[in-house]
Amino acid sequence: MSASGFSQWPETPGFAAIGDEKLMERFANIIRQEYLAVGIRESLHPQIDLATEPRWPRISGNFSEDAQLTARMVTAYIKGLQGDNLKNGVACMTKHFPGGGPQKEGLDPHFPFQKGQVYPGKNFDYHLIPFEAAFKAGTAAIMPYYGIPVGQTDEDVAMSFNKSIITTLLREKYKYDGVVCTDWGLITDVKTPGWTWPARAWGVEGLSEKERVKKAIDAGVDQFGGENCPQHVLDLVKEGALSEARIDQSLRRLLRQKFELGLFDNPFVEESKTAQVVGNVEFQKEADAAQRRAMTLLKNAQNTLPLKKTPLKIFVKNVKPEVAARYGTVVNTPQEADIAILRLNTPWIPVKTDIPMAQGFHHGDLDFKEKELAEILAICKAVPTVVDIYLDRPAVIPEISGACKALLANYGASDAAVLDVIFGKAKPEGNLPFELPSSMEAVRNQKEDLPYDSKNPLYPFGFGLRYKK
């Protein structure tokens, strides 16, 4: 999402691509300052699910498919965002326990067409490794995900209703005594005249709202995300179905966090200083450098890149012409050009559903289909072509990789950042934080919970070329 006034950095896979823990901590420290300047005291991140199912729409919020790399990144992230003292920090609500990556066929459990996480590779524990690092780093809060951990606990109910997940695993095994907040909308439906978005009460759909509240509290959660129905808690206590002692247990955790943040001492923002902090020039310089460092060079036939600084006629697609004009003469057709520069996005296909929000999630196949692919390949055939692709999910691009002269990947980068790398004003330092599969058949045949599990990937995890000196 556009930062819209805040400093604009690569997304978290970009930091994993760079792999620099000091940079990760510095980024978190900068957004800590920006959040404090506008009064945000708790973040619904970091998101440390593992990108083991490449079709899942939320990969751009993760770091990587590798548990150890993700663990290193989250340690630095929490340190930078929470600081040494929460009075000057932002509380991290790390998510989505116990790891939301292994979604069946990549479909997201925000919606009723997918309710269960699957573990065909029997790899449940691997997804816990980043959370173990987050506990050690002292994360202030934890958010479980929506899905049912199919076949992993004594009942197939969603994480926040699942006592085996919240109490037995999180509270007892890991001794976690911070705040546990559910993901949004587990209790009540969202209703409009045209559609209903049902509560994500997967596995307990037959329970009433009040019964769902009780089951989640009994499971061990402290806070309900996106809900406004405290009457259910009051009624359960009055009826004797919940004890005040149990409610006090959660209240202590929540109040302790508020005291640690200093919200009872001075919750106010120095408004006169906000504009000096948010998105300031120095922060953006560091963000710009990170965008460039994260770029990952995947192909560089005949050392095409960096492009020489002699005058070039450039054909661009999905690049602002006024930005490209700083680097050469922009022409209208590939046939007129010395070089073409194409910026692409990883493909996706909307799920057919009545829920509008679901239609914006990047579900579905990862490959370019006939018409769009043919247009790209025609440009590659007409003129030497440099392709840059935004990887919010791993793309399947064997034909494009074969046809272009040079191939770059980004994880959130401006046109200027991409062109600076192409023309050698900056160097690409990234390594792939997840593999790029060779075909959709390979994607469909891999196991959702295993990393590096597609057959003969086009580019493996950790791949990244460097410019020759």
Protein backbone atom coordinates (compact mmCIF):
# COMPACT_ATOMS: atom_id res chain seq x y z
CA MET A 1 0.00 0.00 0.00
CA SER A 2 1.19 3.52 -0.67
CA ALA A 3 2.71 5.11 2.41
CA SER A 4 1.03 8.41 1.48
CA GLY A 5 3.24 10.92 3.27
CA PHE A 6 5.27 8.48 5.35
CA SER A 7 8.67 7.27 4.17
CA GLN A 8 8.27 4.70 1.37
CA TRP A 9 10.38 1.55 1.63
CA PRO A 10 10.38 -1.85 -0.06
CA GLU A 11 7.91 -4.30 1.42
CA THR A 12 9.17 -6.90 3.88
CA PRO A 13 10.28 -9.48 1.26
CA GLY A 14 12.66 -6.76 0.07
CA PHE A 15 14.35 -6.65 3.46
CA ALA A 16 14.67 -10.43 3.43
CA ALA A 17 16.16 -10.14 -0.08
CA ILE A 18 18.83 -7.77 1.28
CA GLY A 19 19.27 -9.88 4.42
CA ASP A 20 20.82 -7.02 6.44
CA GLU A 21 19.67 -7.17 10.05
CA LYS A 22 21.08 -3.71 10.83
CA LEU A 23 19.03 -2.23 7.98
CA MET A 24 15.96 -4.12 9.23
CA GLU A 25 16.37 -2.63 12.69
CA ARG A 26 17.01 0.84 11.24
CA PHE A 27 13.81 0.64 9.15
CA ALA A 28 11.81 -0.38 12.22
CA ASN A 29 13.38 2.42 14.24
CA ILE A 30 12.39 4.98 11.59
CA ILE A 31 8.78 3.80 11.40
CA ARG A 32 8.74 3.80 15.21
CA GLN A 33 9.52 7.51 15.07
CA GLU A 34 6.93 8.16 12.36
CA TYR A 35 4.23 6.19 14.21
CA LEU A 36 4.95 8.00 17.47
CA ALA A 37 4.74 11.34 15.68
CA VAL A 38 1.11 10.66 14.71
CA GLY A 39 0.09 8.78 17.86
CA ILE A 40 0.15 5.15 16.69
CA ARG A 41 1.28 3.06 19.65
CA GLU A 42 0.61 -0.47 18.48
CA SER A 43 1.31 -2.08 15.11
CA LEU A 44 -0.56 -4.99 13.57
CA HIS A 45 2.80 -6.32 12.40
CA PRO A 46 5.36 -7.76 11.84
CA GLN A 47 3.78 -10.49 9.76
CA ILE A 48 6.06 -13.51 9.92
CA ASP A 49 4.11 -16.24 8.13
CA LEU A 50 6.26 -18.28 5.76
CA ALA A 51 5.70 -18.04 2.00
CA THR A 52 5.64 -21.79 1.45
CA GLU A 53 2.45 -21.66 -0.70
CA PRO A 54 3.25 -19.27 -3.55
CA ARG A 55 -0.37 -18.58 -4.49
CA TRP A 56 -1.29 -17.10 -1.09
CA PRO A 57 -2.27 -13.42 -1.57
CA ARG A 58 -0.53 -12.15 1.57
CA ILE A 59 3.07 -13.02 0.70
CA SER A 60 3.98 -9.35 0.21
CA GLY A 61 3.49 -8.90 3.96
CA ASN A 62 5.80 -11.81 4.86
CA PHE A 63 9.57 -11.92 4.76
CA SER A 64 10.35 -15.20 3.01
CA GLU A 65 9.70 -18.92 2.79
CA ASP A 66 12.78 -19.62 4.92
CA ALA A 67 12.19 -19.91 8.67
CA GLN A 68 15.72 -19.02 9.77
CA LEU A 69 15.96 -15.94 7.54
CA THR A 70 12.53 -14.81 8.75
CA ALA A 71 13.58 -15.38 12.37
CA ARG A 72 16.64 -13.14 11.93
CA MET A 73 14.56 -10.41 10.33
CA VAL A 74 11.80 -10.44 12.95
CA THR A 75 14.33 -10.24 15.79
CA ALA A 76 15.77 -7.03 14.35
CA TYR A 77 12.32 -5.69 13.45
CA ILE A 78 10.87 -6.02 16.96
CA LYS A 79 14.02 -4.54 18.50
CA GLY A 80 13.76 -1.48 16.27
CA LEU A 81 10.03 -0.93 16.63
CA GLN A 82 9.56 -1.58 20.34
CA GLY A 83 12.90 -0.07 21.36
CA ASP A 84 14.55 -0.67 24.71
CA ASN A 85 11.58 0.82 26.55
CA LEU A 86 7.97 0.70 25.34
CA LYS A 87 7.38 4.21 26.69
CA ASN A 88 9.29 5.37 23.62
CA GLY A 89 8.28 2.45 21.45
CA VAL A 90 5.48 0.91 19.43
CA ALA A 91 4.03 -2.37 20.65
CA CYS A 92 4.38 -5.16 18.07
CA MET A 93 1.40 -7.44 17.50
CA THR A 94 3.26 -10.21 15.71
CA LYS A 95 1.15 -12.37 13.41
CA HIS A 96 -0.26 -14.84 12.44
CA PHE A 97 0.37 -17.54 15.06
CA PRO A 98 1.12 -20.42 14.51
CA GLY A 99 2.00 -19.46 10.91
CA GLY A 100 -0.52 -18.61 8.16
CA GLY A 101 1.49 -19.64 5.13
CA PRO A 102 0.21 -23.16 4.33
CA GLN A 103 -3.19 -22.19 2.91
CA LYS A 104 -4.85 -24.85 0.78
CA GLU A 105 -4.28 -23.93 -2.88
CA GLY A 106 -3.30 -20.45 -1.66
CA LEU A 107 -6.90 -19.43 -0.91
CA ASP A 108 -7.17 -17.01 1.99
CA PRO A 109 -9.32 -17.77 5.07
CA HIS A 110 -10.60 -14.21 5.31
CA PHE A 111 -13.39 -15.69 3.21
CA PRO A 112 -15.68 -18.74 3.44
CA PHE A 113 -14.25 -20.40 0.33
CA GLN A 114 -11.19 -21.42 2.41
CA LYS A 115 -11.36 -22.35 6.08
CA GLY A 116 -8.43 -24.66 6.73
CA GLN A 117 -4.65 -24.62 6.72
CA VAL A 118 -3.11 -27.87 5.48
CA TYR A 119 0.10 -29.69 6.31
CA PRO A 120 0.64 -32.39 3.67
CA GLY A 121 4.39 -32.28 4.35
CA LYS A 122 3.86 -32.75 8.12
CA ASN A 123 5.79 -29.51 8.64
CA PHE A 124 3.70 -27.70 11.28
CA ASP A 125 6.65 -27.06 13.62
CA TYR A 126 8.75 -25.39 10.91
CA HIS A 127 6.27 -22.52 10.79
CA LEU A 128 6.77 -21.89 14.52
CA ILE A 129 10.47 -21.04 14.21
CA PRO A 130 9.96 -17.30 13.46
CA PHE A 131 7.52 -17.03 16.39
CA GLU A 132 10.08 -18.55 18.72
CA ALA A 133 12.39 -15.70 17.69
CA ALA A 134 9.58 -13.17 18.27
CA PHE A 135 8.96 -14.50 21.79
CA LYS A 136 12.66 -14.22 22.56
CA ALA A 137 12.64 -10.64 21.23
CA GLY A 138 9.76 -9.79 23.58
CA THR A 139 6.88 -9.12 21.19
CA ALA A 140 4.16 -7.26 23.09
CA ALA A 141 1.24 -9.08 21.47
CA ILE A 142 0.36 -12.01 19.23
CA MET A 143 -2.40 -12.37 16.64
CA PRO A 144 -3.56 -15.82 15.53
CA TYR A 145 -4.88 -16.31 11.99
CA TYR A 146 -8.36 -17.24 10.78
CA GLY A 147 -7.77 -20.75 9.51
CA ILE A 148 -8.36 -24.17 11.03
CA PRO A 149 -5.11 -26.13 11.58
CA VAL A 150 -6.56 -29.19 9.87
CA GLY A 151 -5.63 -32.41 11.64
CA GLN A 152 -3.11 -30.78 13.99
CA THR A 153 -5.15 -30.46 17.21
CA ASP A 154 -7.89 -32.30 19.07
CA GLU A 155 -10.64 -30.34 17.29
CA ASP A 156 -10.76 -28.73 13.87
CA VAL A 157 -11.69 -25.18 14.87
CA ALA A 158 -10.03 -21.89 13.91
CA MET A 159 -6.91 -20.75 15.75
CA SER A 160 -8.55 -18.23 18.09
CA PHE A 161 -11.19 -20.74 19.18
CA ASN A 162 -8.62 -23.50 19.53
CA LYS A 163 -7.49 -24.15 23.10
CA SER A 164 -4.72 -26.47 21.90
CA ILE A 165 -3.22 -23.60 19.90
CA ILE A 166 -3.69 -20.68 22.30
CA THR A 167 -3.41 -22.30 25.74
CA THR A 168 -1.51 -25.57 25.29
CA LEU A 169 0.96 -24.39 22.65
CA LEU A 170 1.26 -20.62 23.08
CA ARG A 171 0.65 -20.13 26.79
CA GLU A 172 1.96 -23.40 28.25
CA LYS A 173 4.69 -24.63 25.89
CA TYR A 174 6.09 -21.18 25.03
CA LYS A 175 5.19 -19.55 28.39
CA TYR A 176 3.81 -16.55 26.51
CA ASP A 177 2.03 -14.10 28.82
CA GLY A 178 1.61 -11.15 26.47
CA VAL A 179 -1.64 -10.03 24.86
CA VAL A 180 -3.33 -12.36 22.40
CA CYS A 181 -5.68 -10.49 20.04
CA THR A 182 -7.87 -12.29 17.52
CA ASP A 183 -7.78 -11.35 13.87
CA TRP A 184 -10.65 -9.11 12.77
CA GLY A 185 -14.30 -10.13 12.66
CA LEU A 186 -14.53 -13.55 14.32
CA ILE A 187 -17.81 -12.94 16.12
CA THR A 188 -20.24 -10.86 14.05
CA ASP A 189 -21.19 -10.84 10.36
CA VAL A 190 -20.70 -7.74 8.21
CA LYS A 191 -24.02 -7.06 6.49
CA THR A 192 -24.84 -4.63 3.69
CA PRO A 193 -27.90 -4.46 1.40
CA GLY A 194 -26.00 -6.26 -1.37
CA TRP A 195 -23.88 -8.84 0.42
CA THR A 196 -22.94 -10.44 3.75
CA TRP A 197 -19.38 -11.10 4.84
CA PRO A 198 -19.77 -13.85 7.40
CA ALA A 199 -17.82 -13.84 10.65
CA ARG A 200 -14.62 -15.88 10.30
CA ALA A 201 -15.85 -18.33 12.93
CA TRP A 202 -14.52 -21.32 11.04
CA GLY A 203 -15.36 -24.60 12.72
CA VAL A 204 -17.83 -22.94 15.11
CA GLU A 205 -20.25 -21.43 12.61
CA GLY A 206 -23.15 -23.06 14.45
CA LEU A 207 -22.46 -21.22 17.70
CA SER A 208 -24.21 -17.98 18.60
CA GLU A 209 -22.22 -14.76 18.90
CA LYS A 210 -22.15 -15.11 22.68
CA GLU A 211 -21.06 -18.73 22.48
CA ARG A 212 -18.24 -17.78 20.10
CA VAL A 213 -17.05 -15.12 22.56
CA LYS A 214 -16.99 -17.69 25.36
CA LYS A 215 -15.13 -20.28 23.29
CA ALA A 216 -12.43 -17.78 22.27
CA ILE A 217 -11.94 -16.57 25.86
CA ASP A 218 -11.86 -20.15 27.09
CA ALA A 219 -9.23 -20.87 24.43
CA GLY A 220 -7.06 -18.13 25.96
CA VAL A 221 -7.46 -14.93 23.93
CA ASP A 222 -7.50 -11.51 25.58
CA GLN A 223 -8.85 -9.15 22.96
CA PHE A 224 -11.24 -9.27 19.99
CA GLY A 225 -10.04 -7.53 16.84
CA GLY A 226 -12.59 -5.52 14.88
CA GLU A 227 -15.51 -6.27 17.19
CA ASN A 228 -17.76 -4.09 19.34
CA CYS A 229 -19.96 -6.43 21.38
CA PRO A 230 -18.86 -6.21 25.04
CA GLN A 231 -22.42 -7.03 26.10
CA HIS A 232 -21.66 -10.70 25.38
CA VAL A 233 -18.82 -10.69 27.90
CA LEU A 234 -20.98 -8.96 30.51
CA ASP A 235 -23.82 -11.42 30.00
CA LEU A 236 -21.48 -14.43 30.25
CA VAL A 237 -20.10 -13.16 33.57
CA LYS A 238 -23.58 -12.38 34.94
CA GLU A 239 -24.75 -15.86 33.94
CA GLY A 240 -21.75 -17.49 35.64
CA ALA A 241 -20.49 -18.91 32.32
CA LEU A 242 -17.27 -16.87 32.65
CA SER A 243 -15.53 -15.99 35.91
CA GLU A 244 -14.42 -12.48 36.76
CA ALA A 245 -11.03 -14.00 37.56
CA ARG A 246 -10.67 -15.11 33.94
CA ILE A 247 -11.63 -11.65 32.68
CA ASP A 248 -9.18 -10.06 35.14
CA GLN A 249 -6.41 -12.27 33.71
CA SER A 250 -6.84 -10.67 30.28
CA LEU A 251 -7.40 -7.19 31.70
CA ARG A 252 -4.07 -7.39 33.54
CA ARG A 253 -2.26 -8.21 30.31
CA LEU A 254 -3.96 -5.36 28.44
CA LEU A 255 -3.52 -2.79 31.21
CA ARG A 256 0.12 -3.81 31.74
CA GLN A 257 0.78 -3.07 28.07
CA LYS A 258 -0.93 0.33 28.31
CA PHE A 259 1.14 1.21 31.40
CA GLU A 260 4.35 0.07 29.69
CA LEU A 261 3.49 2.30 26.72
CA GLY A 262 2.98 5.22 29.09
CA LEU A 263 -0.59 5.83 27.93
CA PHE A 264 -1.69 6.74 31.47
CA ASP A 265 1.19 9.19 31.85
CA ASN A 266 1.20 11.15 28.59
CA PRO A 267 -0.77 9.82 25.63
CA PHE A 268 -0.55 13.03 23.61
CA VAL A 269 1.29 13.89 20.41
CA GLU A 270 3.44 16.98 19.91
CA GLU A 271 1.53 18.11 16.82
CA SER A 272 4.00 20.89 16.03
CA LYS A 273 6.73 18.26 15.48
CA THR A 274 4.73 15.79 13.39
CA ALA A 275 5.61 17.28 10.00
CA GLN A 276 9.32 17.37 10.92
CA VAL A 277 9.34 13.62 11.50
CA VAL A 278 6.88 11.97 9.14
CA GLY A 279 8.40 11.25 5.74
CA ASN A 280 11.27 13.65 6.26
CA VAL A 281 13.96 13.99 3.61
CA GLU A 282 16.62 12.01 5.46
CA PHE A 283 14.27 9.11 6.17
CA GLN A 284 13.24 9.00 2.52
CA LYS A 285 16.87 8.96 1.38
CA GLU A 286 17.40 5.81 3.42
CA ALA A 287 14.16 4.34 2.09
CA ASP A 288 15.18 5.10 -1.50
CA ALA A 289 18.51 3.36 -0.97
CA ALA A 290 16.73 0.29 0.43
CA GLN A 291 14.39 0.14 -2.58
CA ARG A 292 17.45 -0.02 -4.83
CA ARG A 293 19.43 -2.50 -2.70
CA ALA A 294 16.51 -4.93 -2.60
CA MET A 295 16.33 -5.20 -6.40
CA THR A 296 17.22 -8.75 -7.45
CA LEU A 297 19.04 -9.42 -10.72
CA LEU A 298 17.84 -12.72 -12.17
CA LYS A 299 19.19 -12.63 -15.73
CA ASN A 300 21.81 -10.50 -17.42
CA ALA A 301 22.61 -11.92 -20.87
CA GLN A 302 25.85 -10.60 -22.38
CA ASN A 303 26.13 -8.28 -19.38
CA THR A 304 23.36 -6.10 -20.79
CA LEU A 305 23.12 -4.30 -17.44
CA PRO A 306 24.04 -1.79 -16.35
CA LEU A 307 23.11 0.10 -19.51
CA LYS A 308 25.81 2.42 -20.76
CA LYS A 309 25.25 6.12 -20.34
CA THR A 310 25.51 6.92 -24.05
CA PRO A 311 22.29 8.45 -25.46
CA LEU A 312 19.66 5.75 -25.90
CA LYS A 313 16.24 5.63 -27.47
CA ILE A 314 14.01 3.97 -24.87
CA PHE A 315 10.58 2.37 -25.23
CA VAL A 316 8.86 2.00 -21.84
CA LYS A 317 5.78 0.20 -20.61
CA ASN A 318 4.34 0.87 -17.14
CA VAL A 319 7.11 3.43 -16.51
CA LYS A 320 6.36 7.14 -16.26
CA PRO A 321 7.76 8.70 -19.46
CA GLU A 322 8.89 11.81 -17.59
CA VAL A 323 11.04 9.62 -15.32
CA ALA A 324 12.44 7.58 -18.21
CA ALA A 325 13.30 10.82 -20.06
CA ARG A 326 16.02 11.48 -17.47
CA TYR A 327 17.89 8.45 -18.79
CA GLY A 328 17.40 8.72 -22.56
CA THR A 329 15.01 9.69 -25.33
CA VAL A 330 11.59 8.08 -24.91
CA VAL A 331 10.11 6.78 -28.17
CA ASN A 332 6.59 5.59 -28.97
CA THR A 333 7.21 2.11 -30.41
CA PRO A 334 9.63 -0.76 -29.78
CA GLN A 335 10.75 -0.57 -33.42
CA GLU A 336 12.15 2.94 -32.86
CA ALA A 337 14.01 1.98 -29.70
CA ASP A 338 17.52 0.84 -28.82
CA ILE A 339 16.18 -0.75 -25.64
CA ALA A 340 12.77 -1.51 -24.11
CA ILE A 341 12.10 -1.36 -20.37
CA LEU A 342 8.96 -3.12 -19.13
CA ARG A 343 7.62 -3.06 -15.59
CA LEU A 344 5.27 -5.95 -14.81
CA ASN A 345 3.25 -7.16 -11.83
CA THR A 346 2.86 -10.79 -10.79
CA PRO A 347 -0.41 -11.98 -12.35
CA TRP A 348 -3.52 -12.85 -10.35
CA ILE A 349 -7.10 -13.90 -10.97
CA PRO A 350 -10.03 -12.62 -8.85
CA VAL A 351 -12.05 -15.26 -7.04
CA LYS A 352 -15.70 -15.31 -8.05
CA THR A 353 -17.56 -14.22 -4.92
CA ASP A 354 -20.18 -11.74 -3.70
CA ILE A 355 -17.76 -10.28 -1.11
CA PRO A 356 -16.14 -7.19 -2.70
CA MET A 357 -13.01 -7.29 -0.52
CA ALA A 358 -12.24 -10.82 -1.68
CA GLN A 359 -12.16 -9.70 -5.29
CA GLY A 360 -9.20 -7.45 -4.51
CA PHE A 361 -7.07 -10.22 -2.99
CA HIS A 362 -4.39 -11.47 -5.39
CA HIS A 363 -5.50 -15.09 -5.64
CA GLY A 364 -5.10 -17.58 -8.45
CA ASP A 365 -2.55 -18.51 -11.08
CA LEU A 366 0.88 -16.87 -11.14
CA ASP A 367 1.57 -17.03 -14.88
CA PHE A 368 0.79 -14.60 -17.69
CA LYS A 369 -2.02 -15.84 -19.93
CA GLU A 370 -2.02 -15.94 -23.72
CA LYS A 371 -2.87 -12.39 -24.79
CA GLU A 372 -0.78 -10.53 -22.23
CA LEU A 373 2.11 -12.96 -22.60
CA ALA A 374 2.07 -12.59 -26.40
CA GLU A 375 2.26 -8.78 -26.11
CA ILE A 376 5.27 -8.98 -23.79
CA LEU A 377 7.07 -11.53 -25.96
CA ALA A 378 6.43 -9.46 -29.08
CA ILE A 379 8.26 -6.51 -27.50
CA CYS A 380 11.13 -8.79 -26.45
CA LYS A 381 11.37 -10.03 -30.05
CA ALA A 382 11.28 -6.54 -31.56
CA VAL A 383 14.01 -4.95 -29.44
CA PRO A 384 16.44 -5.93 -26.65
CA THR A 385 14.28 -5.77 -23.54
CA VAL A 386 14.86 -5.31 -19.82
CA VAL A 387 12.00 -6.66 -17.69
CA ASP A 388 11.39 -5.66 -14.09
CA ILE A 389 8.67 -7.59 -12.23
CA TYR A 390 7.08 -6.70 -8.90
CA LEU A 391 6.93 -9.86 -6.78
CA ASP A 392 4.04 -9.52 -4.35
CA ARG A 393 3.89 -13.30 -4.91
CA PRO A 394 6.32 -15.60 -6.75
CA ALA A 395 5.68 -15.22 -10.48
CA VAL A 396 5.79 -18.03 -13.05
CA ILE A 397 7.62 -16.46 -15.99
CA PRO A 398 9.72 -19.02 -17.94
CA GLU A 399 8.84 -17.60 -21.39
CA ILE A 400 9.54 -14.01 -20.36
CA SER A 401 12.80 -15.01 -18.69
CA GLY A 402 13.86 -16.78 -21.85
CA ALA A 403 12.97 -13.92 -24.20
CA CYS A 404 14.31 -10.85 -22.38
CA LYS A 405 17.91 -9.65 -22.27
CA ALA A 406 17.82 -8.84 -18.56
CA LEU A 407 15.39 -9.63 -15.77
CA LEU A 408 15.04 -7.83 -12.44
CA ALA A 409 12.67 -8.34 -9.53
CA ASN A 410 11.51 -5.72 -7.06
CA TYR A 411 9.46 -5.83 -3.85
CA GLY A 412 8.13 -2.29 -3.98
CA ALA A 413 10.24 0.26 -5.85
CA SER A 414 9.70 3.56 -7.61
CA ASP A 415 10.37 4.03 -11.32
CA ALA A 416 13.44 6.09 -10.40
CA ALA A 417 14.76 3.29 -8.18
CA VAL A 418 14.34 0.71 -10.95
CA LEU A 419 15.93 2.92 -13.61
CA ASP A 420 18.84 3.85 -11.34
CA VAL A 421 19.64 0.14 -11.04
CA ILE A 422 19.20 -0.48 -14.77
CA PHE A 423 21.56 2.38 -15.62
CA GLY A 424 24.12 1.56 -12.95
CA LYS A 425 23.55 4.47 -10.59
CA ALA A 426 22.82 1.84 -7.95
CA LYS A 427 23.59 -1.87 -7.69
CA PRO A 428 21.08 -4.68 -7.14
CA GLU A 429 21.97 -6.51 -3.91
CA GLY A 430 18.91 -8.72 -3.42
CA ASN A 431 18.64 -12.50 -3.34
CA LEU A 432 15.27 -14.16 -3.87
CA PRO A 433 13.44 -14.59 -0.54
CA PHE A 434 11.35 -17.34 -2.17
CA GLU A 435 11.82 -19.50 -5.23
CA LEU A 436 10.19 -18.74 -8.58
CA PRO A 437 8.49 -21.91 -9.86
CA SER A 438 9.03 -23.08 -13.43
CA SER A 439 5.36 -23.82 -14.18
CA MET A 440 1.87 -23.77 -12.71
CA GLU A 441 1.97 -27.57 -12.78
CA ALA A 442 4.94 -27.42 -10.41
CA VAL A 443 3.00 -25.02 -8.17
CA ARG A 444 -0.04 -27.29 -8.05
CA ASN A 445 2.09 -30.35 -7.26
CA GLN A 446 4.05 -28.86 -4.35
CA LYS A 447 3.11 -29.26 -0.67
CA GLU A 448 1.70 -26.09 0.92
CA ASP A 449 3.70 -26.34 4.16
CA LEU A 450 7.16 -27.10 2.74
CA PRO A 451 9.72 -24.48 1.68
CA TYR A 452 11.62 -24.80 -1.62
CA ASP A 453 9.25 -27.55 -2.74
CA SER A 454 8.46 -26.84 -6.40
CA LYS A 455 10.12 -29.15 -8.94
CA ASN A 456 13.00 -27.63 -10.94
CA PRO A 457 12.32 -23.98 -10.03
CA LEU A 458 13.10 -21.40 -12.67
CA TYR A 459 15.07 -19.46 -10.03
CA PRO A 460 15.78 -21.09 -6.64
CA PHE A 461 15.47 -19.52 -3.20
CA GLY A 462 18.45 -17.26 -2.53
CA PHE A 463 19.30 -16.67 -6.20
CA GLY A 464 20.66 -13.29 -7.18
CA LEU A 465 23.27 -12.09 -9.66
CA ARG A 466 25.60 -9.13 -9.26
CA TYR A 467 26.94 -6.67 -11.78
CA LYS A 468 30.40 -7.47 -13.06
CA LYS A 469 32.96 -4.83 -12.14
